[in-house]
Protein backbone atom coordinates (compact mmCIF):
# COMPACT_ATOMS: atom_id res chain seq x y z
CA MET A 1 63.47 -5.15 -25.88
CA LYS A 2 60.78 -6.80 -27.78
CA ILE A 3 58.58 -5.56 -30.58
CA THR A 4 54.88 -5.22 -29.51
CA ARG A 5 51.78 -4.64 -31.44
CA MET A 6 51.67 -1.24 -29.82
CA HIS A 7 54.79 -0.36 -31.92
CA GLY A 8 52.45 -0.79 -35.05
CA ALA A 9 49.62 0.86 -33.79
CA GLY A 10 50.38 4.65 -34.69
CA GLY A 11 50.89 7.13 -31.72
CA LYS A 12 53.94 7.89 -29.65
CA VAL A 13 55.27 4.14 -29.56
CA MET A 14 55.18 3.62 -33.23
CA GLN A 15 56.93 7.10 -33.87
CA GLU A 16 59.71 6.18 -31.31
CA LEU A 17 60.47 2.96 -33.19
CA ILE A 18 60.27 4.60 -36.82
CA LYS A 19 62.82 7.54 -35.48
CA ASP A 20 64.86 5.67 -33.32
CA VAL A 21 65.67 2.27 -35.02
CA ILE A 22 64.41 2.72 -38.73
CA LEU A 23 65.17 6.41 -39.91
CA LYS A 24 68.75 6.41 -37.78
CA ASN A 25 69.90 3.40 -39.92
CA LEU A 26 68.71 4.51 -43.31
CA GLU A 27 70.82 7.32 -44.92
CA ILE A 28 69.63 7.91 -48.44
CA THR A 29 65.85 8.75 -47.90
CA SER A 30 65.03 11.25 -50.80
CA VAL A 31 65.36 11.60 -54.48
CA ASN A 32 66.00 14.79 -56.46
CA GLY A 33 65.09 17.10 -53.52
CA GLY A 34 61.52 15.74 -53.06
CA ILE A 35 59.64 14.71 -49.87
CA GLY A 36 61.46 11.74 -48.39
CA LEU A 37 61.11 9.30 -45.68
CA GLU A 38 62.50 11.54 -43.05
CA SER A 39 59.16 13.80 -43.34
CA LEU A 40 57.11 11.04 -42.34
CA ASP A 41 54.27 12.34 -44.42
CA ASP A 42 51.51 10.25 -45.96
CA SER A 43 53.45 9.72 -49.18
CA ALA A 44 56.90 10.69 -50.85
CA THR A 45 57.58 12.63 -53.96
CA ILE A 46 60.18 12.28 -56.94
CA PRO A 47 60.35 15.45 -58.80
CA ILE A 48 60.82 14.88 -62.54
CA GLY A 49 60.45 17.87 -64.86
CA ASP A 50 57.20 19.79 -64.03
CA LYS A 51 55.59 17.07 -62.17
CA GLU A 52 56.33 14.96 -59.11
CA ILE A 53 55.71 11.25 -58.85
CA VAL A 54 53.87 10.59 -55.49
CA PHE A 55 54.74 7.23 -54.02
CA THR A 56 53.31 5.36 -50.78
CA VAL A 57 53.08 1.65 -49.44
CA ASP A 58 50.89 0.24 -46.96
CA GLY A 59 50.44 -3.20 -45.46
CA HIS A 60 47.28 -4.40 -44.07
CA THR A 61 46.81 -7.25 -41.30
CA VAL A 62 43.38 -6.33 -40.10
CA LYS A 63 41.25 -8.92 -37.88
CA PRO A 64 38.63 -10.03 -38.91
CA ILE A 65 39.22 -9.84 -42.47
CA PHE A 66 35.64 -9.29 -43.12
CA PHE A 67 33.78 -6.76 -41.18
CA PRO A 68 30.76 -4.50 -41.17
CA GLY A 69 31.27 -2.23 -44.01
CA GLY A 70 34.18 -3.55 -45.63
CA ASP A 71 36.86 -6.12 -45.72
CA ILE A 72 40.66 -6.29 -46.06
CA GLY A 73 40.56 -5.90 -49.82
CA ARG A 74 38.62 -2.79 -49.75
CA LEU A 75 40.79 -1.45 -46.87
CA ALA A 76 44.18 -2.15 -48.69
CA VAL A 77 42.95 -0.04 -51.81
CA SER A 78 41.38 2.60 -49.93
CA GLY A 79 44.31 3.15 -47.55
CA THR A 80 46.82 3.53 -50.15
CA VAL A 81 44.76 5.59 -52.41
CA ASN A 82 43.88 8.00 -49.64
CA ASP A 83 47.72 8.36 -48.65
CA LEU A 84 48.23 9.58 -52.01
CA ALA A 85 45.03 11.86 -52.51
CA VAL A 86 45.86 13.58 -49.13
CA MET A 87 49.15 15.01 -50.65
CA GLY A 88 46.86 16.52 -53.36
CA ALA A 89 48.16 14.05 -55.88
CA LYS A 90 45.90 12.17 -58.48
CA PRO A 91 46.39 8.58 -57.81
CA LEU A 92 47.13 6.47 -61.00
CA ALA A 93 48.06 2.87 -60.14
CA LEU A 94 48.53 0.37 -57.39
CA SER A 95 50.61 -2.72 -56.76
CA LEU A 96 49.01 -5.50 -55.00
CA SER A 97 50.86 -8.04 -52.87
CA LEU A 98 49.34 -10.89 -51.40
CA ILE A 99 50.73 -13.32 -48.56
CA ILE A 100 48.34 -16.08 -48.14
CA PRO A 101 48.34 -18.55 -45.22
CA GLU A 102 48.39 -22.22 -46.32
CA GLY A 103 44.77 -23.65 -46.15
CA PHE A 104 43.24 -20.24 -46.70
CA ASN A 105 39.69 -20.67 -48.11
CA LEU A 106 39.85 -20.10 -51.91
CA GLU A 107 36.13 -18.52 -51.83
CA ASP A 108 37.23 -16.06 -49.23
CA LEU A 109 40.28 -14.96 -51.49
CA GLU A 110 37.90 -14.48 -54.52
CA LYS A 111 35.78 -12.37 -52.55
CA ILE A 112 38.59 -10.19 -51.50
CA VAL A 113 39.95 -9.90 -54.97
CA LYS A 114 36.55 -8.74 -56.13
CA SER A 115 36.25 -6.44 -53.23
CA ILE A 116 39.85 -4.97 -54.50
CA ASN A 117 38.39 -4.81 -57.97
CA GLU A 118 35.43 -2.84 -57.02
CA THR A 119 37.16 -0.28 -54.73
CA SER A 120 39.73 0.21 -57.39
CA LYS A 121 37.08 0.96 -59.77
CA GLU A 122 35.22 3.15 -57.38
CA ALA A 123 38.55 5.22 -57.03
CA GLU A 124 39.36 5.00 -60.86
CA VAL A 125 42.89 3.65 -60.00
CA ALA A 126 44.64 0.71 -62.05
CA ILE A 127 46.26 -2.21 -60.41
CA ILE A 128 49.28 -2.93 -62.75
CA THR A 129 51.49 -5.00 -61.16
CA GLY A 130 51.54 -7.64 -58.02
CA ASP A 131 53.11 -10.78 -56.34
CA THR A 132 51.65 -13.81 -54.67
CA LYS A 133 52.88 -15.79 -51.99
CA VAL A 134 51.43 -18.94 -49.85
CA SER A 135 52.99 -19.38 -46.52
CA ASP A 136 52.58 -21.57 -43.67
CA GLY A 137 54.06 -18.86 -41.27
CA VAL A 138 51.32 -16.53 -41.19
CA ASP A 139 48.01 -16.91 -39.45
CA ASP A 140 45.82 -14.80 -41.68
CA ILE A 141 45.86 -13.24 -45.12
CA ILE A 142 48.29 -9.96 -45.57
CA ILE A 143 47.98 -7.53 -48.17
CA SER A 144 50.49 -4.91 -49.17
CA THR A 145 49.74 -2.10 -51.47
CA ALA A 146 52.07 0.45 -52.97
CA GLY A 147 50.61 3.20 -54.98
CA ILE A 148 51.63 6.15 -57.17
CA GLY A 149 50.14 9.31 -58.32
CA ILE A 150 51.07 12.62 -59.84
CA VAL A 151 50.87 16.14 -58.66
CA ASP A 152 52.55 19.50 -60.38
CA ARG A 153 55.86 20.32 -59.25
CA GLY A 154 55.93 22.02 -55.76
CA LYS A 155 52.29 21.53 -55.28
CA ALA A 156 52.07 18.73 -53.06
CA ILE A 157 50.06 19.46 -49.85
CA ARG A 158 52.10 18.68 -46.83
CA ASP A 159 50.83 17.87 -43.14
CA CYS A 160 53.47 20.26 -41.97
CA ASN A 161 52.13 23.55 -43.54
CA VAL A 162 49.30 24.41 -41.21
CA GLN A 163 49.00 28.37 -41.10
CA GLU A 164 47.87 30.57 -38.20
CA GLY A 165 44.08 31.31 -38.61
CA ASP A 166 43.56 28.10 -40.76
CA ALA A 167 40.29 26.52 -40.26
CA ILE A 168 40.49 22.81 -39.25
CA ILE A 169 37.87 20.62 -41.07
CA VAL A 170 37.12 17.13 -40.70
CA SER A 171 35.12 15.35 -43.63
CA GLY A 172 32.80 13.33 -41.51
CA ASN A 173 31.89 11.15 -38.32
CA ILE A 174 34.99 9.81 -36.72
CA GLY A 175 35.61 6.63 -34.88
CA GLU A 176 33.30 4.34 -37.07
CA HIS A 177 36.30 2.04 -38.40
CA GLY A 178 37.86 1.30 -35.24
CA LEU A 179 34.75 0.57 -33.51
CA ALA A 180 33.35 -1.57 -36.31
CA ILE A 181 36.37 -3.89 -36.12
CA LEU A 182 36.31 -4.13 -32.39
CA LEU A 183 32.71 -4.99 -32.26
CA SER A 184 32.84 -7.53 -34.72
CA ARG A 185 36.08 -9.21 -33.28
CA GLU A 186 35.08 -9.28 -30.02
CA GLY A 187 31.50 -10.20 -30.01
CA PHE A 188 30.03 -7.73 -27.66
CA ASP A 189 26.32 -8.29 -27.04
CA PHE A 190 25.46 -4.60 -28.67
CA GLU A 191 22.85 -4.07 -31.27
CA THR A 192 24.27 -1.42 -33.18
CA ASN A 193 24.51 -0.10 -37.02
CA ILE A 194 28.00 0.82 -36.70
CA LYS A 195 29.93 0.07 -40.07
CA SER A 196 33.41 0.91 -41.06
CA ASP A 197 33.64 4.42 -43.08
CA VAL A 198 36.35 2.46 -45.28
CA ALA A 199 36.50 4.26 -48.59
CA PRO A 200 38.76 5.79 -51.16
CA ILE A 201 38.40 9.68 -50.52
CA ASN A 202 40.31 10.82 -53.84
CA LYS A 203 37.17 11.77 -55.50
CA LEU A 204 36.20 14.00 -52.68
CA ILE A 205 39.49 15.69 -52.27
CA GLU A 206 39.63 16.28 -55.99
CA ARG A 207 36.43 18.16 -56.20
CA VAL A 208 37.55 20.49 -53.24
CA LEU A 209 40.90 21.16 -55.16
CA GLU A 210 39.07 21.76 -58.37
CA GLU A 211 37.05 24.65 -56.97
CA GLY A 212 40.36 26.31 -56.01
CA ILE A 213 40.08 25.81 -52.28
CA GLN A 214 43.51 26.65 -50.60
CA ILE A 215 44.21 23.65 -48.27
CA ASN A 216 47.43 24.21 -46.60
CA ALA A 217 47.78 20.84 -44.97
CA MET A 218 45.99 17.42 -44.92
CA LYS A 219 46.18 14.17 -43.43
CA ASP A 220 44.02 11.03 -42.99
CA PRO A 221 43.44 10.13 -39.54
CA THR A 222 43.76 6.35 -39.61
CA ARG A 223 45.79 4.60 -36.75
CA GLY A 224 45.65 6.86 -33.60
CA GLY A 225 42.64 8.70 -34.98
CA LEU A 226 42.04 12.51 -35.31
CA ALA A 227 44.00 12.87 -31.87
CA ASP A 228 47.15 11.47 -33.68
CA ALA A 229 46.55 13.29 -36.98
CA LEU A 230 45.98 16.76 -35.44
CA ASN A 231 49.08 16.29 -32.92
CA GLU A 232 51.20 15.52 -36.00
CA MET A 233 50.13 18.43 -37.94
CA ALA A 234 50.61 20.84 -35.08
CA GLU A 235 53.92 19.62 -34.12
CA LYS A 236 55.32 19.54 -37.84
CA SER A 237 53.92 22.91 -38.35
CA ASN A 238 55.16 24.45 -35.13
CA ILE A 239 51.80 25.78 -34.19
CA GLY A 240 48.89 25.13 -32.06
CA ILE A 241 45.47 23.81 -32.97
CA THR A 242 42.15 24.46 -31.00
CA ILE A 243 39.04 22.32 -31.50
CA PHE A 244 35.56 22.53 -30.25
CA GLU A 245 33.87 19.37 -28.74
CA ASP A 246 30.67 20.14 -29.77
CA LYS A 247 31.72 20.49 -33.41
CA ILE A 248 33.29 17.19 -33.84
CA PRO A 249 31.07 14.96 -35.81
CA ILE A 250 30.53 11.66 -33.93
CA SER A 251 27.33 9.69 -34.25
CA ASP A 252 25.22 9.10 -30.97
CA GLU A 253 25.72 5.27 -31.48
CA VAL A 254 29.95 5.80 -31.40
CA GLN A 255 29.83 7.98 -28.58
CA SER A 256 27.51 5.88 -26.43
CA ILE A 257 29.68 2.66 -27.29
CA CYS A 258 32.79 4.62 -26.27
CA ASP A 259 31.38 5.88 -23.30
CA ILE A 260 30.36 2.06 -22.08
CA LEU A 261 34.01 0.73 -23.20
CA GLY A 262 35.95 3.67 -21.69
CA LEU A 263 37.32 4.66 -25.20
CA ASP A 264 38.01 7.97 -26.47
CA PRO A 265 36.51 8.54 -29.99
CA LEU A 266 39.35 10.94 -30.93
CA THR A 267 42.00 8.07 -30.70
CA ILE A 268 39.91 5.57 -32.85
CA ALA A 269 40.93 4.86 -36.43
CA ASN A 270 39.17 6.12 -39.38
CA GLU A 271 39.64 4.81 -43.12
CA GLY A 272 37.65 7.06 -45.33
CA LYS A 273 38.06 10.55 -43.57
CA VAL A 274 40.50 13.46 -44.26
CA VAL A 275 41.59 16.32 -41.91
CA MET A 276 42.11 19.79 -43.58
CA ALA A 277 43.90 22.91 -42.75
CA VAL A 278 42.06 25.51 -45.00
CA LYS A 279 42.59 29.02 -45.54
CA LYS A 280 40.06 30.81 -43.19
CA GLU A 281 38.29 32.73 -46.19
CA ASP A 282 37.81 29.46 -47.86
CA ALA A 283 36.60 27.45 -45.01
CA GLU A 284 32.90 27.77 -45.77
CA ARG A 285 32.92 27.02 -49.34
CA CYS A 286 35.10 24.17 -48.68
CA LEU A 287 32.31 22.87 -46.14
CA GLU A 288 29.69 23.37 -49.00
CA ILE A 289 31.55 21.36 -51.35
CA LEU A 290 32.41 18.54 -49.00
CA ARG A 291 28.73 18.04 -47.83
CA GLU A 292 27.73 17.96 -51.54
CA HIS A 293 29.54 14.46 -51.71
CA PRO A 294 28.42 11.35 -49.97
CA LEU A 295 31.47 10.77 -48.28
CA GLY A 296 31.51 14.47 -46.94
CA LYS A 297 27.79 14.75 -45.93
CA ASN A 298 28.82 15.18 -42.12
CA ALA A 299 31.96 17.58 -42.59
CA GLU A 300 32.43 20.23 -39.88
CA ILE A 301 34.62 22.91 -39.35
CA ILE A 302 35.93 21.62 -35.89
CA GLY A 303 38.61 24.61 -35.02
CA TYR A 304 41.28 26.61 -35.95
CA ALA A 305 45.19 27.06 -35.90
CA THR A 306 46.78 29.50 -33.44
CA LYS A 307 49.99 30.80 -32.29
CA GLU A 308 48.65 31.24 -28.71
CA HIS A 309 49.67 27.51 -27.67
CA LYS A 310 51.42 24.71 -28.89
CA GLY A 311 49.80 21.26 -29.31
CA VAL A 312 46.10 20.49 -29.67
CA ILE A 313 43.58 21.97 -26.99
CA ILE A 314 39.82 21.05 -27.13
CA GLU A 315 37.30 23.39 -25.82
CA THR A 316 34.51 21.54 -23.82
CA ILE A 317 31.50 22.40 -21.82
CA VAL A 318 33.46 22.24 -18.55
CA GLY A 319 36.53 23.93 -19.85
CA ARG A 320 39.90 23.27 -21.81
CA ARG A 321 41.97 20.33 -21.81
CA ILE A 322 45.03 19.02 -23.82
CA VAL A 323 44.57 16.27 -26.60
CA ASP A 324 47.78 14.57 -26.31
CA MET A 325 49.22 12.14 -29.16
CA PRO A 326 47.77 8.60 -27.93
CA ILE A 327 50.50 6.04 -26.92
CA GLY A 328 48.84 3.80 -29.59
CA ASP A 329 45.66 3.13 -30.98
CA PRO A 330 43.51 1.38 -28.54
CA ILE A 331 42.14 -1.05 -30.85
CA PRO A 332 44.86 -3.29 -32.59
CA ARG A 333 45.25 -4.84 -35.95
CA VAL A 334 42.35 -2.41 -37.60
CA CYS A 335 44.44 -1.93 -40.55
C-alpha cells in the first residue's frame, strides 16, 4: 500500500492512517495525566501545578503559496494559534521551521516572513524559536509551526464533551478557504470575490470565554470542513448532532460555485472559523458576543446536540439526511 494525498486530507482515510499506523506504534503519548496524542484533539496538555501547558504542531504545504485572502505564512500562524485557542487556552508563543527549496525566490520568502510577522502581531503571540533548511528535495516552501499556550488546570475545552441540549454554533461563513485555494490553483474562468477566511481566532474565542459563556466543546473546521468537525465531536462525545440547512452560514457565491463544481460546502476547509457546543441557556448571548467581533459577524446557531440518534443529521427542505464524515478533503493541499 502506498501513501496518497488523501491520507493527509482529513476525513476517514487520514483517521485510519493515524490510528492504524501511527498511534499503534507509539507507546508514550501523554505527560502527567494530561490530554495526549491518543485523544486526537486539536492540542495536547501538560499539567504543571495549577496550570496546564497546551501544546500543538502544524505542517503547511499549501499550493499556491499566495492566494486570495492570504498566504502560507498567515496560514501557518493562524492554524497553530487556532488549535490552541479552541482548547480554551491563551496562546503564548510559536516556533517557526522553514524548509525552503533551492532556487526559491528571495522576495517571496521575505513577503511570507512579513506576513508571519503581521499575523503574529494580530494574534499577540511571539515567535521565539525556529529552524531553517534549504533543500533540493522539495518542490515548494514547507512551514512547520509548533505552539504553546496556557490554561487553568482542568479547564481545557475538549472536542469530546458535547452535552445533550447544547446549541451548536459556527462563527461564520463556511467553505471560503478551500474554494479560494481551488479557484486560484486551477484558474477556473469564474469572476468571484471569494477570499480565504484565514485568520487567528484566539481573540474572538477569548471574548466569549471572558463573558462567562459555558462552552462544553470546540473545534476548528479545517481539513474535511464542518462535516468532519461535527462528526468528530459527535463520535467522541457519544452523542448525536442535528443541524438545519437553512441556518448554516454560506455565502451565495460559495454555494453557487459548489453547485457548479459538484462540491459539498460542508466538507470544504475553513481556516478562520470555530464550531462551539454551548450550554443551551448561554447560546443567544454567545451569538451576540460573536457577532460583535469582525470575525464572528456571520455567526449562527446551526443546530443542537441530542441523544435521539448518533452521528450528524441535517434537516433540509426535502427531509433529513445523514452528514457522514468525508473520506477526505475534496480539495488537496489547502493547508
